[in-house]
C-alpha atoms as a PDB file:
ATOM      1  CA  MET A   1       1.911 -22.251  -5.389  1.00  0.00           C
ATOM      2  CA  SER A   2       0.262 -25.432  -6.905  1.00  0.00           C
ATOM      3  CA  SER A   3       2.545 -29.079  -5.979  1.00  0.00           C
ATOM      4  CA  GLN A   4       3.611 -29.050  -9.868  1.00  0.00           C
ATOM      5  CA  ARG A   5       5.750 -26.053  -9.464  1.00  0.00           C
ATOM      6  CA  GLN A   6       8.788 -26.534  -6.942  1.00  0.00           C
ATOM      7  CA  PRO A   7      11.441 -24.745  -8.763  1.00  0.00           C
ATOM      8  CA  VAL A   8      12.676 -21.727  -7.285  1.00  0.00           C
ATOM      9  CA  ARG A   9      11.656 -18.253  -9.047  1.00  0.00           C
ATOM     10  CA  ARG A  10      11.037 -15.452  -6.496  1.00  0.00           C
ATOM     11  CA  ALA A  11      13.937 -13.056  -6.187  1.00  0.00           C
ATOM     12  CA  ALA A  12      16.104 -11.927  -9.115  1.00  0.00           C
ATOM     13  CA  MET A  13      19.630 -10.220  -8.918  1.00  0.00           C
ATOM     14  CA  GLN A  14      20.425  -7.129 -10.479  1.00  0.00           C
ATOM     15  CA  GLU A  15      22.955  -5.132 -11.463  1.00  0.00           C
ATOM     16  CA  GLY A  16      22.603  -2.315 -13.967  1.00  0.00           C
ATOM     17  CA  GLU A  17      20.453  -3.512 -17.319  1.00  0.00           C
ATOM     18  CA  ILE A  18      21.046  -7.019 -16.003  1.00  0.00           C
ATOM     19  CA  GLN A  19      18.536  -9.411 -14.360  1.00  0.00           C
ATOM     20  CA  VAL A  20      19.042 -12.965 -14.163  1.00  0.00           C
ATOM     21  CA  LEU A  21      16.674 -15.119 -11.786  1.00  0.00           C
ATOM     22  CA  GLY A  22      18.149 -18.193 -10.619  1.00  0.00           C
ATOM     23  CA  PHE A  23      16.329 -21.584 -10.793  1.00  0.00           C
ATOM     24  CA  ALA A  24      17.486 -24.592  -8.268  1.00  0.00           C
ATOM     25  CA  TRP A  25      18.210 -27.606 -10.670  1.00  0.00           C
ATOM     26  CA  PHE A  26      18.848 -31.009  -8.565  1.00  0.00           C
ATOM     27  CA  LYS A  27      19.935 -33.508 -10.330  1.00  0.00           C
ATOM     28  CA  GLU A  28      18.305 -37.008 -10.305  1.00  0.00           C
ATOM     29  CA  ASP A  29      21.456 -39.046  -7.980  1.00  0.00           C
ATOM     30  CA  ASP A  30      20.461 -36.281  -5.343  1.00  0.00           C
ATOM     31  CA  TYR A  31      16.434 -35.648  -5.509  1.00  0.00           C
ATOM     32  CA  GLU A  32      15.548 -37.948  -2.568  1.00  0.00           C
ATOM     33  CA  SER A  33      18.247 -36.209  -0.598  1.00  0.00           C
ATOM     34  CA  PHE A  34      16.582 -32.711  -0.637  1.00  0.00           C
ATOM     35  CA  LYS A  35      13.054 -34.294   1.103  1.00  0.00           C
ATOM     36  CA  PRO A  36      14.578 -34.977   4.430  1.00  0.00           C
ATOM     37  CA  ILE A  37      16.422 -31.367   4.995  1.00  0.00           C
ATOM     38  CA  LEU A  38      13.726 -29.078   3.059  1.00  0.00           C
ATOM     39  CA  PRO A  39      10.955 -31.239   4.434  1.00  0.00           C
ATOM     40  CA  GLU A  40       8.356 -27.967   4.259  1.00  0.00           C
ATOM     41  CA  ARG A  41       8.543 -28.360  -0.370  1.00  0.00           C
ATOM     42  CA  ARG A  42       6.007 -30.163  -1.409  1.00  0.00           C
ATOM     43  CA  TRP A  43       8.164 -32.501  -3.575  1.00  0.00           C
ATOM     44  CA  HIS A  44       7.548 -34.539  -6.216  1.00  0.00           C
ATOM     45  CA  ARG A  45       6.817 -38.243  -6.122  1.00  0.00           C
ATOM     46  CA  THR A  46       9.957 -38.793  -8.502  1.00  0.00           C
ATOM     47  CA  TYR A  47      12.349 -37.112 -10.014  1.00  0.00           C
ATOM     48  CA  ALA A  48      10.965 -37.863 -13.135  1.00  0.00           C
ATOM     49  CA  GLU A  49       7.965 -36.282 -11.870  1.00  0.00           C
ATOM     50  CA  TRP A  50      10.088 -33.072 -10.418  1.00  0.00           C
ATOM     51  CA  GLU A  51      12.121 -32.961 -14.305  1.00  0.00           C
ATOM     52  CA  ALA A  52       8.900 -32.672 -16.702  1.00  0.00           C
ATOM     53  CA  ALA A  53       7.254 -30.018 -13.738  1.00  0.00           C
ATOM     54  CA  ALA A  54      10.443 -28.027 -13.499  1.00  0.00           C
ATOM     55  CA  GLU A  55      11.202 -27.980 -17.267  1.00  0.00           C
ATOM     56  CA  GLN A  56       7.520 -26.834 -18.261  1.00  0.00           C
ATOM     57  CA  HIS A  57       8.089 -23.995 -16.040  1.00  0.00           C
ATOM     58  CA  PHE A  58      11.505 -23.140 -16.619  1.00  0.00           C
ATOM     59  CA  LYS A  59      10.373 -22.601 -20.052  1.00  0.00           C
ATOM     60  CA  ARG A  60       7.822 -20.487 -19.100  1.00  0.00           C
ATOM     61  CA  LEU A  61       9.466 -17.788 -17.100  1.00  0.00           C
ATOM     62  CA  ASN A  62      11.902 -17.960 -20.240  1.00  0.00           C
ATOM     63  CA  ASP A  63       8.968 -17.460 -23.179  1.00  0.00           C
ATOM     64  CA  GLN A  64       7.951 -14.400 -20.335  1.00  0.00           C
ATOM     65  CA  GLY A  65      11.055 -12.563 -21.072  1.00  0.00           C
ATOM     66  CA  ILE A  66      12.525 -13.824 -17.832  1.00  0.00           C
ATOM     67  CA  ARG A  67      16.219 -14.902 -18.076  1.00  0.00           C
ATOM     68  CA  THR A  68      16.412 -17.372 -16.182  1.00  0.00           C
ATOM     69  CA  ILE A  69      19.511 -20.022 -15.673  1.00  0.00           C
ATOM     70  CA  LYS A  70      19.628 -23.594 -14.390  1.00  0.00           C
ATOM     71  CA  ALA A  71      21.227 -23.127 -10.904  1.00  0.00           C
ATOM     72  CA  GLU A  72      22.281 -27.311 -10.168  1.00  0.00           C
ATOM     73  CA  ILE A  73      22.450 -27.353  -6.622  1.00  0.00           C
ATOM     74  CA  ARG A  74      23.741 -30.751  -4.901  1.00  0.00           C
ATOM     75  CA  SER A  75      22.264 -31.347  -1.625  1.00  0.00           C
ATOM     76  CA  ALA A  76      25.498 -31.304   0.769  1.00  0.00           C
ATOM     77  CA  ASP A  77      26.770 -28.234  -0.932  1.00  0.00           C
ATOM     78  CA  PHE A  78      23.661 -25.862  -0.785  1.00  0.00           C
ATOM     79  CA  VAL A  79      23.814 -27.640   3.749  1.00  0.00           C
ATOM     80  CA  ALA A  80      27.623 -26.436   3.831  1.00  0.00           C
ATOM     81  CA  TRP A  81      26.900 -23.474   2.353  1.00  0.00           C
ATOM     82  CA  CYS A  82      23.814 -22.279   4.955  1.00  0.00           C
ATOM     83  CA  ARG A  83      26.275 -23.116   7.715  1.00  0.00           C
ATOM     84  CA  ARG A  84      28.961 -21.557   6.250  1.00  0.00           C
ATOM     85  CA  THR A  85      26.756 -18.321   5.300  1.00  0.00           C
ATOM     86  CA  GLY A  86      24.629 -18.451   8.699  1.00  0.00           C
ATOM     87  CA  ARG A  87      21.355 -18.800   7.295  1.00  0.00           C
ATOM     88  CA  ASN A  88      18.769 -21.559   8.175  1.00  0.00           C
ATOM     89  CA  ILE A  89      18.568 -24.221   5.556  1.00  0.00           C
ATOM     90  CA  ASP A  90      15.469 -23.592   4.320  1.00  0.00           C
ATOM     91  CA  ASN A  91      13.321 -22.871   0.768  1.00  0.00           C
ATOM     92  CA  LYS A  92      14.914 -18.975   1.306  1.00  0.00           C
ATOM     93  CA  ALA A  93      18.318 -19.641   1.371  1.00  0.00           C
ATOM     94  CA  LEU A  94      17.737 -22.420  -1.371  1.00  0.00           C
ATOM     95  CA  VAL A  95      16.283 -19.112  -3.590  1.00  0.00           C
ATOM     96  CA  ALA A  96      19.996 -17.101  -2.766  1.00  0.00           C
ATOM     97  CA  LEU A  97      21.835 -19.927  -2.987  1.00  0.00           C
ATOM     98  CA  ALA A  98      20.725 -20.249  -6.782  1.00  0.00           C
ATOM     99  CA  ASN A  99      20.594 -16.878  -7.555  1.00  0.00           C
ATOM    100  CA  GLU A 100      23.886 -16.318  -6.845  1.00  0.00           C
ATOM    101  CA  ALA A 101      24.757 -19.453  -9.174  1.00  0.00           C
ATOM    102  CA  ALA A 102      23.010 -17.167 -11.359  1.00  0.00           C
ATOM    103  CA  TYR A 103      24.824 -14.313 -10.722  1.00  0.00           C
ATOM    104  CA  ARG A 104      28.014 -16.505 -11.346  1.00  0.00           C
ATOM    105  CA  VAL A 105      27.149 -17.014 -14.097  1.00  0.00           C
ATOM    106  CA  ILE A 106      26.522 -14.009 -15.923  1.00  0.00           C
ATOM    107  CA  LYS A 107      29.948 -12.378 -13.962  1.00  0.00           C
ATOM    108  CA  GLY A 108      31.686 -15.119 -15.772  1.00  0.00           C
ATOM    109  CA  SER A 109      33.181 -16.291 -12.494  1.00  0.00           C
ATOM    110  CA  HIS A 110      31.108 -19.752 -12.378  1.00  0.00           C
END
């Protein structure tokens, strides 16, 4: 994976015919807070660089017919969710949380 592709795009959640991909979406005021939490991740130098790359990748996924939903994730909420669910604080957990958030949107229970 190149350093230009940081958004989560792995496991999708499914129910019957519905398939959706949660795409971890960071807010500018919280972007820097994620860097020490997920040091193994290749981070863009600035939020603007990350956002531009993320928008391109998000569009590419949707253009390929992959139903993708931006899952806004805050660093404090992510850490709390990991602790509450007994997960390691890592990229796999970020994928899981993004997919869970996308699934809730699809099911209308956000």
